[in-house]
Amino acid sequence: MRAIRKVLASIRNADLRFSLINQGDKIVVGVSGGKDSLVLLYALNLYRKFAQCDFEIIP
């Protein structure tokens, strides 16, 4: 779980610093089935539950 927390923290920090995700955004995630893309998809889904805005993830 520590690794997921680090990934979530990185996503949150990047979003806050650069305003990457806005209300109503649709985020397309390329999923190859590898560990890195699956972790990103999982982490973005978790982040969506706690983010200040509502956005959609499209795998």
PDB file of N, CA and C in Angstrom:
ATOM      1  N   MET A   1       0.813  -1.210   0.000  1.00  0.00           N
ATOM      2  CA  MET A   1       0.000   0.000   0.000  1.00  0.00           C
ATOM      3  C   MET A   1       0.850   1.265   0.000  1.00  0.00           C
ATOM      4  N   ARG A   2       2.065   1.167   0.481  1.00  0.00           N
ATOM      5  CA  ARG A   2       2.933   2.337   0.511  1.00  0.00           C
ATOM      6  C   ARG A   2       3.225   2.842  -0.902  1.00  0.00           C
ATOM      7  N   ALA A   3       3.386   1.911  -1.832  1.00  0.00           N
ATOM      8  CA  ALA A   3       3.672   2.301  -3.219  1.00  0.00           C
ATOM      9  C   ALA A   3       2.484   3.047  -3.832  1.00  0.00           C
ATOM     10  N   ILE A   4       1.279   2.571  -3.578  1.00  0.00           N
ATOM     11  CA  ILE A   4       0.080   3.243  -4.108  1.00  0.00           C
ATOM     12  C   ILE A   4      -0.037   4.648  -3.526  1.00  0.00           C
ATOM     13  N   ARG A   5       0.279   4.792  -2.251  1.00  0.00           N
ATOM     14  CA  ARG A   5       0.235   6.125  -1.634  1.00  0.00           C
ATOM     15  C   ARG A   5       1.213   7.075  -2.307  1.00  0.00           C
ATOM     16  N   LYS A   6       2.384   6.575  -2.666  1.00  0.00           N
ATOM     17  CA  LYS A   6       3.369   7.414  -3.357  1.00  0.00           C
ATOM     18  C   LYS A   6       2.860   7.821  -4.737  1.00  0.00           C
ATOM     19  N   VAL A   7       2.244   6.884  -5.439  1.00  0.00           N
ATOM     20  CA  VAL A   7       1.700   7.195  -6.765  1.00  0.00           C
ATOM     21  C   VAL A   7       0.564   8.211  -6.634  1.00  0.00           C
ATOM     22  N   LEU A   8      -0.324   8.006  -5.668  1.00  0.00           N
ATOM     23  CA  LEU A   8      -1.422   8.954  -5.448  1.00  0.00           C
ATOM     24  C   LEU A   8      -0.889  10.337  -5.086  1.00  0.00           C
ATOM     25  N   ALA A   9       0.134  10.381  -4.248  1.00  0.00           N
ATOM     26  CA  ALA A   9       0.731  11.665  -3.871  1.00  0.00           C
ATOM     27  C   ALA A   9       1.326  12.358  -5.093  1.00  0.00           C
ATOM     28  N   SER A  10       1.951  11.600  -5.968  1.00  0.00           N
ATOM     29  CA  SER A  10       2.530  12.179  -7.185  1.00  0.00           C
ATOM     30  C   SER A  10       1.447  12.733  -8.104  1.00  0.00           C
ATOM     31  N   ILE A  11       0.361  11.987  -8.253  1.00  0.00           N
ATOM     32  CA  ILE A  11      -0.756  12.454  -9.083  1.00  0.00           C
ATOM     33  C   ILE A  11      -1.354  13.723  -8.487  1.00  0.00           C
ATOM     34  N   ARG A  12      -1.579  13.712  -7.186  1.00  0.00           N
ATOM     35  CA  ARG A  12      -2.164  14.872  -6.504  1.00  0.00           C
ATOM     36  C   ARG A  12      -1.260  16.094  -6.635  1.00  0.00           C
ATOM     37  N   ASN A  13       0.030  15.914  -6.374  1.00  0.00           N
ATOM     38  CA  ASN A  13       0.966  17.041  -6.456  1.00  0.00           C
ATOM     39  C   ASN A  13       1.022  17.620  -7.866  1.00  0.00           C
ATOM     40  N   ALA A  14       1.071  16.758  -8.869  1.00  0.00           N
ATOM     41  CA  ALA A  14       1.105  17.233 -10.259  1.00  0.00           C
ATOM     42  C   ALA A  14      -0.188  17.955 -10.612  1.00  0.00           C
ATOM     43  N   ASP A  15      -1.315  17.417 -10.158  1.00  0.00           N
ATOM     44  CA  ASP A  15      -2.603  18.049 -10.448  1.00  0.00           C
ATOM     45  C   ASP A  15      -2.688  19.422  -9.791  1.00  0.00           C
ATOM     46  N   LEU A  16      -2.277  19.519  -8.538  1.00  0.00           N
ATOM     47  CA  LEU A  16      -2.338  20.805  -7.845  1.00  0.00           C
ATOM     48  C   LEU A  16      -1.351  21.814  -8.427  1.00  0.00           C
ATOM     49  N   ARG A  17      -0.175  21.348  -8.776  1.00  0.00           N
ATOM     50  CA  ARG A  17       0.863  22.256  -9.277  1.00  0.00           C
ATOM     51  C   ARG A  17       0.559  22.782 -10.680  1.00  0.00           C
ATOM     52  N   PHE A  18       0.059  21.911 -11.539  1.00  0.00           N
ATOM     53  CA  PHE A  18      -0.127  22.282 -12.941  1.00  0.00           C
ATOM     54  C   PHE A  18      -1.591  22.356 -13.373  1.00  0.00           C
ATOM     55  N   SER A  19      -2.534  22.166 -12.459  1.00  0.00           N
ATOM     56  CA  SER A  19      -3.973  22.179 -12.775  1.00  0.00           C
ATOM     57  C   SER A  19      -4.276  21.258 -13.953  1.00  0.00           C
ATOM     58  N   LEU A  20      -3.874  20.008 -13.826  1.00  0.00           N
ATOM     59  CA  LEU A  20      -4.008  19.053 -14.926  1.00  0.00           C
ATOM     60  C   LEU A  20      -5.435  18.562 -15.131  1.00  0.00           C
ATOM     61  N   ILE A  21      -6.176  18.405 -14.040  1.00  0.00           N
ATOM     62  CA  ILE A  21      -7.513  17.816 -14.120  1.00  0.00           C
ATOM     63  C   ILE A  21      -8.537  18.863 -13.708  1.00  0.00           C
ATOM     64  N   ASN A  22      -9.508  19.093 -14.580  1.00  0.00           N
ATOM     65  CA  ASN A  22     -10.560  20.070 -14.318  1.00  0.00           C
ATOM     66  C   ASN A  22     -11.921  19.391 -14.329  1.00  0.00           C
ATOM     67  N   GLN A  23     -12.909  20.100 -13.808  1.00  0.00           N
ATOM     68  CA  GLN A  23     -14.277  19.602 -13.745  1.00  0.00           C
ATOM     69  C   GLN A  23     -14.744  19.159 -15.126  1.00  0.00           C
ATOM     70  N   GLY A  24     -15.251  17.924 -15.196  1.00  0.00           N
ATOM     71  CA  GLY A  24     -15.817  17.411 -16.435  1.00  0.00           C
ATOM     72  C   GLY A  24     -14.808  16.863 -17.429  1.00  0.00           C
ATOM     73  N   ASP A  25     -13.533  16.867 -17.078  1.00  0.00           N
ATOM     74  CA  ASP A  25     -12.513  16.335 -17.991  1.00  0.00           C
ATOM     75  C   ASP A  25     -12.706  14.847 -18.229  1.00  0.00           C
ATOM     76  N   LYS A  26     -12.299  14.416 -19.405  1.00  0.00           N
ATOM     77  CA  LYS A  26     -12.252  12.994 -19.741  1.00  0.00           C
ATOM     78  C   LYS A  26     -10.788  12.650 -19.936  1.00  0.00           C
ATOM     79  N   ILE A  27     -10.286  11.728 -19.134  1.00  0.00           N
ATOM     80  CA  ILE A  27      -8.880  11.350 -19.185  1.00  0.00           C
ATOM     81  C   ILE A  27      -8.774   9.983 -19.834  1.00  0.00           C
ATOM     82  N   VAL A  28      -8.052   9.930 -20.939  1.00  0.00           N
ATOM     83  CA  VAL A  28      -7.852   8.678 -21.656  1.00  0.00           C
ATOM     84  C   VAL A  28      -6.549   8.061 -21.173  1.00  0.00           C
ATOM     85  N   VAL A  29      -6.622   6.795 -20.746  1.00  0.00           N
ATOM     86  CA  VAL A  29      -5.448   6.080 -20.250  1.00  0.00           C
ATOM     87  C   VAL A  29      -5.194   4.893 -21.165  1.00  0.00           C
ATOM     88  N   GLY A  30      -4.010   4.855 -21.757  1.00  0.00           N
ATOM     89  CA  GLY A  30      -3.621   3.707 -22.569  1.00  0.00           C
ATOM     90  C   GLY A  30      -3.217   2.560 -21.658  1.00  0.00           C
ATOM     91  N   VAL A  31      -3.895   1.436 -21.787  1.00  0.00           N
ATOM     92  CA  VAL A  31      -3.635   0.292 -20.909  1.00  0.00           C
ATOM     93  C   VAL A  31      -3.092  -0.855 -21.743  1.00  0.00           C
ATOM     94  N   SER A  32      -1.835  -1.206 -21.458  1.00  0.00           N
ATOM     95  CA  SER A  32      -1.195  -2.301 -22.190  1.00  0.00           C
ATOM     96  C   SER A  32      -1.354  -3.630 -21.465  1.00  0.00           C
ATOM     97  N   GLY A  33      -1.746  -3.565 -20.203  1.00  0.00           N
ATOM     98  CA  GLY A  33      -1.835  -4.777 -19.393  1.00  0.00           C
ATOM     99  C   GLY A  33      -0.613  -4.968 -18.521  1.00  0.00           C
ATOM    100  N   GLY A  34       0.376  -4.092 -18.692  1.00  0.00           N
ATOM    101  CA  GLY A  34       1.574  -4.141 -17.856  1.00  0.00           C
ATOM    102  C   GLY A  34       1.308  -3.534 -16.490  1.00  0.00           C
ATOM    103  N   LYS A  35       2.252  -3.757 -15.585  1.00  0.00           N
ATOM    104  CA  LYS A  35       2.092  -3.273 -14.214  1.00  0.00           C
ATOM    105  C   LYS A  35       1.952  -1.758 -14.145  1.00  0.00           C
ATOM    106  N   ASP A  36       2.755  -1.052 -14.920  1.00  0.00           N
ATOM    107  CA  ASP A  36       2.743   0.408 -14.824  1.00  0.00           C
ATOM    108  C   ASP A  36       1.421   1.018 -15.274  1.00  0.00           C
ATOM    109  N   SER A  37       0.866   0.541 -16.376  1.00  0.00           N
ATOM    110  CA  SER A  37      -0.393   1.117 -16.852  1.00  0.00           C
ATOM    111  C   SER A  37      -1.566   0.711 -15.960  1.00  0.00           C
ATOM    112  N   LEU A  38      -1.530  -0.494 -15.418  1.00  0.00           N
ATOM    113  CA  LEU A  38      -2.602  -0.918 -14.513  1.00  0.00           C
ATOM    114  C   LEU A  38      -2.552  -0.156 -13.194  1.00  0.00           C
ATOM    115  N   VAL A  39      -1.352   0.105 -12.687  1.00  0.00           N
ATOM    116  CA  VAL A  39      -1.216   0.896 -11.460  1.00  0.00           C
ATOM    117  C   VAL A  39      -1.709   2.319 -11.695  1.00  0.00           C
ATOM    118  N   LEU A  40      -1.368   2.901 -12.843  1.00  0.00           N
ATOM    119  CA  LEU A  40      -1.837   4.248 -13.162  1.00  0.00           C
ATOM    120  C   LEU A  40      -3.360   4.296 -13.226  1.00  0.00           C
ATOM    121  N   LEU A  41      -3.970   3.337 -13.884  1.00  0.00           N
ATOM    122  CA  LEU A  41      -5.427   3.286 -13.983  1.00  0.00           C
ATOM    123  C   LEU A  41      -6.065   3.138 -12.602  1.00  0.00           C
ATOM    124  N   TYR A  42      -5.520   2.255 -11.788  1.00  0.00           N
ATOM    125  CA  TYR A  42      -6.020   2.032 -10.425  1.00  0.00           C
ATOM    126  C   TYR A  42      -5.869   3.305  -9.584  1.00  0.00           C
ATOM    127  N   ALA A  43      -4.700   3.937  -9.659  1.00  0.00           N
ATOM    128  CA  ALA A  43      -4.440   5.135  -8.864  1.00  0.00           C
ATOM    129  C   ALA A  43      -5.336   6.296  -9.299  1.00  0.00           C
ATOM    130  N   LEU A  44      -5.532   6.472 -10.591  1.00  0.00           N
ATOM    131  CA  LEU A  44      -6.430   7.535 -11.060  1.00  0.00           C
ATOM    132  C   LEU A  44      -7.860   7.298 -10.598  1.00  0.00           C
ATOM    133  N   ASN A  45      -8.272   6.044 -10.584  1.00  0.00           N
ATOM    134  CA  ASN A  45      -9.614   5.718 -10.103  1.00  0.00           C
ATOM    135  C   ASN A  45      -9.744   6.051  -8.616  1.00  0.00           C
ATOM    136  N   LEU A  46      -8.721   5.754  -7.832  1.00  0.00           N
ATOM    137  CA  LEU A  46      -8.736   6.129  -6.415  1.00  0.00           C
ATOM    138  C   LEU A  46      -8.735   7.648  -6.257  1.00  0.00           C
ATOM    139  N   TYR A  47      -7.910   8.314  -7.037  1.00  0.00           N
ATOM    140  CA  TYR A  47      -7.809   9.769  -6.950  1.00  0.00           C
ATOM    141  C   TYR A  47      -9.140  10.434  -7.291  1.00  0.00           C
ATOM    142  N   ARG A  48      -9.864   9.860  -8.214  1.00  0.00           N
ATOM    143  CA  ARG A  48     -11.161  10.415  -8.616  1.00  0.00           C
ATOM    144  C   ARG A  48     -12.120  10.484  -7.429  1.00  0.00           C
ATOM    145  N   LYS A  49     -12.024   9.542  -6.508  1.00  0.00           N
ATOM    146  CA  LYS A  49     -12.920   9.518  -5.350  1.00  0.00           C
ATOM    147  C   LYS A  49     -12.636  10.654  -4.374  1.00  0.00           C
ATOM    148  N   PHE A  50     -11.386  11.149  -4.359  1.00  0.00           N
ATOM    149  CA  PHE A  50     -11.000  12.168  -3.389  1.00  0.00           C
ATOM    150  C   PHE A  50     -10.716  13.530  -4.007  1.00  0.00           C
ATOM    151  N   ALA A  51     -10.764  13.627  -5.319  1.00  0.00           N
ATOM    152  CA  ALA A  51     -10.439  14.882  -6.004  1.00  0.00           C
ATOM    153  C   ALA A  51     -11.535  15.918  -5.781  1.00  0.00           C
ATOM    154  N   GLN A  52     -11.159  17.178  -5.936  1.00  0.00           N
ATOM    155  CA  GLN A  52     -12.100  18.281  -5.757  1.00  0.00           C
ATOM    156  C   GLN A  52     -13.088  18.397  -6.912  1.00  0.00           C
ATOM    157  N   CYS A  53     -12.751  17.801  -8.046  1.00  0.00           N
ATOM    158  CA  CYS A  53     -13.621  17.908  -9.213  1.00  0.00           C
ATOM    159  C   CYS A  53     -13.990  16.512  -9.721  1.00  0.00           C
ATOM    160  N   ASP A  54     -15.048  16.483 -10.503  1.00  0.00           N
ATOM    161  CA  ASP A  54     -15.519  15.226 -11.067  1.00  0.00           C
ATOM    162  C   ASP A  54     -14.953  15.076 -12.472  1.00  0.00           C
ATOM    163  N   PHE A  55     -14.312  13.945 -12.735  1.00  0.00           N
ATOM    164  CA  PHE A  55     -13.759  13.681 -14.059  1.00  0.00           C
ATOM    165  C   PHE A  55     -13.983  12.223 -14.413  1.00  0.00           C
ATOM    166  N   GLU A  56     -13.889  11.935 -15.689  1.00  0.00           N
ATOM    167  CA  GLU A  56     -14.146  10.586 -16.199  1.00  0.00           C
ATOM    168  C   GLU A  56     -12.836   9.971 -16.687  1.00  0.00           C
ATOM    169  N   ILE A  57     -12.679   8.673 -16.430  1.00  0.00           N
ATOM    170  CA  ILE A  57     -11.507   7.941 -16.907  1.00  0.00           C
ATOM    171  C   ILE A  57     -11.960   7.006 -18.016  1.00  0.00           C
ATOM    172  N   ILE A  58     -11.272   7.078 -19.152  1.00  0.00           N
ATOM    173  CA  ILE A  58     -11.590   6.214 -20.284  1.00  0.00           C
ATOM    174  C   ILE A  58     -10.379   5.332 -20.561  1.00  0.00           C
ATOM    175  N   PRO A  59     -10.490   4.020 -20.249  1.00  0.00           N
ATOM    176  CA  PRO A  59      -9.343   3.126 -20.510  1.00  0.00           C
ATOM    177  C   PRO A  59      -9.234   2.772 -21.981  1.00  0.00           C
TER     178      PRO A  59
END
